[in-house]
Amino acid sequence: MTMNSDTDKSEIRERLAAQQHEIWAHWMQYLFSVCTENDDGTYIIPADKVKRWKYQLDTQYTDLTEDEKQSDREQADKVLEVLGSNERP
């Protein structure tokens, strides 16, 4: 991938930012879907999810299970799609 100008960099930056927002929004949608909403608008995260996510948070990528790595790869592929869309023949 070649970036020829500040305009190219700015456009790629915006596309990457939009992709990151989509990834974050999808994650938040999932997070809220597994939580219990209280009457006051707060949410409770189930203990099993907290335990799993804390484990993943404290684990290096190389030590994750293949399923966990695959999930991260799928997110990386979304970024690669944006970067690949900038290639010129």
C-alpha atoms as a PDB file:
ATOM      1  CA  MET A   1       0.000   0.000   0.000  1.00  0.00           C
ATOM      2  CA  THR A   2       1.344   3.397  -0.979  1.00  0.00           C
ATOM      3  CA  MET A   3       0.146   6.671   0.446  1.00  0.00           C
ATOM      4  CA  ASN A   4       0.985   9.493  -1.912  1.00  0.00           C
ATOM      5  CA  SER A   5      -0.293  12.491  -0.012  1.00  0.00           C
ATOM      6  CA  ASP A   6      -1.645  13.845   3.221  1.00  0.00           C
ATOM      7  CA  THR A   7      -5.097  13.558   1.618  1.00  0.00           C
ATOM      8  CA  ASP A   8      -4.557   9.812   1.099  1.00  0.00           C
ATOM      9  CA  LYS A   9      -3.479   9.445   4.734  1.00  0.00           C
ATOM     10  CA  SER A  10      -6.464  11.430   5.921  1.00  0.00           C
ATOM     11  CA  GLU A  11      -8.885   9.321   3.870  1.00  0.00           C
ATOM     12  CA  ILE A  12      -7.355   6.077   5.117  1.00  0.00           C
ATOM     13  CA  ARG A  13      -7.423   7.383   8.674  1.00  0.00           C
ATOM     14  CA  GLU A  14     -11.129   8.181   8.373  1.00  0.00           C
ATOM     15  CA  ARG A  15     -11.921   4.757   6.885  1.00  0.00           C
ATOM     16  CA  LEU A  16      -9.953   3.042   9.648  1.00  0.00           C
ATOM     17  CA  ALA A  17     -11.688   5.149  12.301  1.00  0.00           C
ATOM     18  CA  ALA A  18     -15.080   4.249  10.824  1.00  0.00           C
ATOM     19  CA  GLN A  19     -14.131   0.558  10.829  1.00  0.00           C
ATOM     20  CA  GLN A  20     -12.951   0.741  14.430  1.00  0.00           C
ATOM     21  CA  HIS A  21     -16.232   2.383  15.379  1.00  0.00           C
ATOM     22  CA  GLU A  22     -18.174  -0.439  13.703  1.00  0.00           C
ATOM     23  CA  ILE A  23     -16.093  -3.032  15.567  1.00  0.00           C
ATOM     24  CA  TRP A  24     -16.672  -1.198  18.862  1.00  0.00           C
ATOM     25  CA  ALA A  25     -20.413  -0.764  18.212  1.00  0.00           C
ATOM     26  CA  HIS A  26     -20.794  -4.469  17.400  1.00  0.00           C
ATOM     27  CA  TRP A  27     -18.973  -5.358  20.618  1.00  0.00           C
ATOM     28  CA  MET A  28     -21.133  -3.012  22.695  1.00  0.00           C
ATOM     29  CA  GLN A  29     -24.296  -4.429  21.137  1.00  0.00           C
ATOM     30  CA  TYR A  30     -23.126  -7.910  22.138  1.00  0.00           C
ATOM     31  CA  LEU A  31     -22.111  -6.781  25.630  1.00  0.00           C
ATOM     32  CA  PHE A  32     -25.501  -5.218  26.332  1.00  0.00           C
ATOM     33  CA  SER A  33     -27.266  -8.291  24.919  1.00  0.00           C
ATOM     34  CA  VAL A  34     -25.681 -10.576  27.535  1.00  0.00           C
ATOM     35  CA  CYS A  35     -26.226  -8.197  30.469  1.00  0.00           C
ATOM     36  CA  THR A  36     -29.239  -7.667  32.661  1.00  0.00           C
ATOM     37  CA  GLU A  37     -30.652  -4.143  32.545  1.00  0.00           C
ATOM     38  CA  ASN A  38     -31.744  -2.656  35.849  1.00  0.00           C
ATOM     39  CA  ASP A  39     -34.687  -0.287  36.257  1.00  0.00           C
ATOM     40  CA  ASP A  40     -32.277   2.632  36.726  1.00  0.00           C
ATOM     41  CA  GLY A  41     -30.604   2.006  33.348  1.00  0.00           C
ATOM     42  CA  THR A  42     -27.466   0.362  34.707  1.00  0.00           C
ATOM     43  CA  TYR A  43     -26.444  -3.093  33.518  1.00  0.00           C
ATOM     44  CA  ILE A  44     -25.106  -6.164  35.307  1.00  0.00           C
ATOM     45  CA  ILE A  45     -22.505  -8.253  33.482  1.00  0.00           C
ATOM     46  CA  PRO A  46     -22.908 -11.971  34.222  1.00  0.00           C
ATOM     47  CA  ALA A  47     -20.116 -13.350  36.431  1.00  0.00           C
ATOM     48  CA  ASP A  48     -19.122 -16.006  33.882  1.00  0.00           C
ATOM     49  CA  LYS A  49     -18.563 -13.317  31.235  1.00  0.00           C
ATOM     50  CA  VAL A  50     -16.519 -11.196  33.659  1.00  0.00           C
ATOM     51  CA  LYS A  51     -14.358 -14.218  34.515  1.00  0.00           C
ATOM     52  CA  ARG A  52     -13.803 -15.083  30.835  1.00  0.00           C
ATOM     53  CA  TRP A  53     -13.051 -11.511  29.738  1.00  0.00           C
ATOM     54  CA  LYS A  54     -10.696 -10.888  32.662  1.00  0.00           C
ATOM     55  CA  TYR A  55      -8.821 -14.059  31.706  1.00  0.00           C
ATOM     56  CA  GLN A  56      -8.598 -12.919  28.081  1.00  0.00           C
ATOM     57  CA  LEU A  57      -7.525  -9.442  29.153  1.00  0.00           C
ATOM     58  CA  ASP A  58      -4.648 -10.880  31.171  1.00  0.00           C
ATOM     59  CA  THR A  59      -3.583 -13.366  28.463  1.00  0.00           C
ATOM     60  CA  GLN A  60      -1.072 -12.630  25.714  1.00  0.00           C
ATOM     61  CA  TYR A  61      -2.377 -13.208  22.194  1.00  0.00           C
ATOM     62  CA  THR A  62       0.062 -16.090  21.660  1.00  0.00           C
ATOM     63  CA  ASP A  63      -1.391 -17.886  24.694  1.00  0.00           C
ATOM     64  CA  LEU A  64      -5.043 -17.629  23.650  1.00  0.00           C
ATOM     65  CA  THR A  65      -6.951 -20.662  22.409  1.00  0.00           C
ATOM     66  CA  GLU A  66      -7.260 -21.085  18.649  1.00  0.00           C
ATOM     67  CA  ASP A  67     -10.941 -20.043  18.842  1.00  0.00           C
ATOM     68  CA  GLU A  68      -9.997 -16.857  20.697  1.00  0.00           C
ATOM     69  CA  LYS A  69      -7.214 -16.147  18.204  1.00  0.00           C
ATOM     70  CA  GLN A  70      -9.621 -16.695  15.320  1.00  0.00           C
ATOM     71  CA  SER A  71     -11.988 -14.119  16.776  1.00  0.00           C
ATOM     72  CA  ASP A  72      -9.126 -11.592  16.883  1.00  0.00           C
ATOM     73  CA  ARG A  73      -8.081 -12.533  13.344  1.00  0.00           C
ATOM     74  CA  GLU A  74     -11.602 -11.809  12.097  1.00  0.00           C
ATOM     75  CA  GLN A  75     -11.344  -8.313  13.559  1.00  0.00           C
ATOM     76  CA  ALA A  76      -7.882  -7.845  12.018  1.00  0.00           C
ATOM     77  CA  ASP A  77      -9.310  -8.918   8.642  1.00  0.00           C
ATOM     78  CA  LYS A  78     -11.761  -6.025   8.819  1.00  0.00           C
ATOM     79  CA  VAL A  79      -8.860  -3.598   9.170  1.00  0.00           C
ATOM     80  CA  LEU A  80      -6.966  -5.299   6.344  1.00  0.00           C
ATOM     81  CA  GLU A  81     -10.036  -4.859   4.131  1.00  0.00           C
ATOM     82  CA  VAL A  82      -9.873  -1.100   4.657  1.00  0.00           C
ATOM     83  CA  LEU A  83      -6.138  -1.011   4.006  1.00  0.00           C
ATOM     84  CA  GLY A  84      -6.481  -3.199   0.923  1.00  0.00           C
ATOM     85  CA  SER A  85      -9.153  -0.944  -0.527  1.00  0.00           C
ATOM     86  CA  ASN A  86      -6.500   1.764  -0.856  1.00  0.00           C
ATOM     87  CA  GLU A  87      -4.277  -0.255  -3.198  1.00  0.00           C
ATOM     88  CA  ARG A  88      -3.928   1.072  -6.685  1.00  0.00           C
ATOM     89  CA  PRO A  89      -3.179  -1.104  -9.724  1.00  0.00           C
END
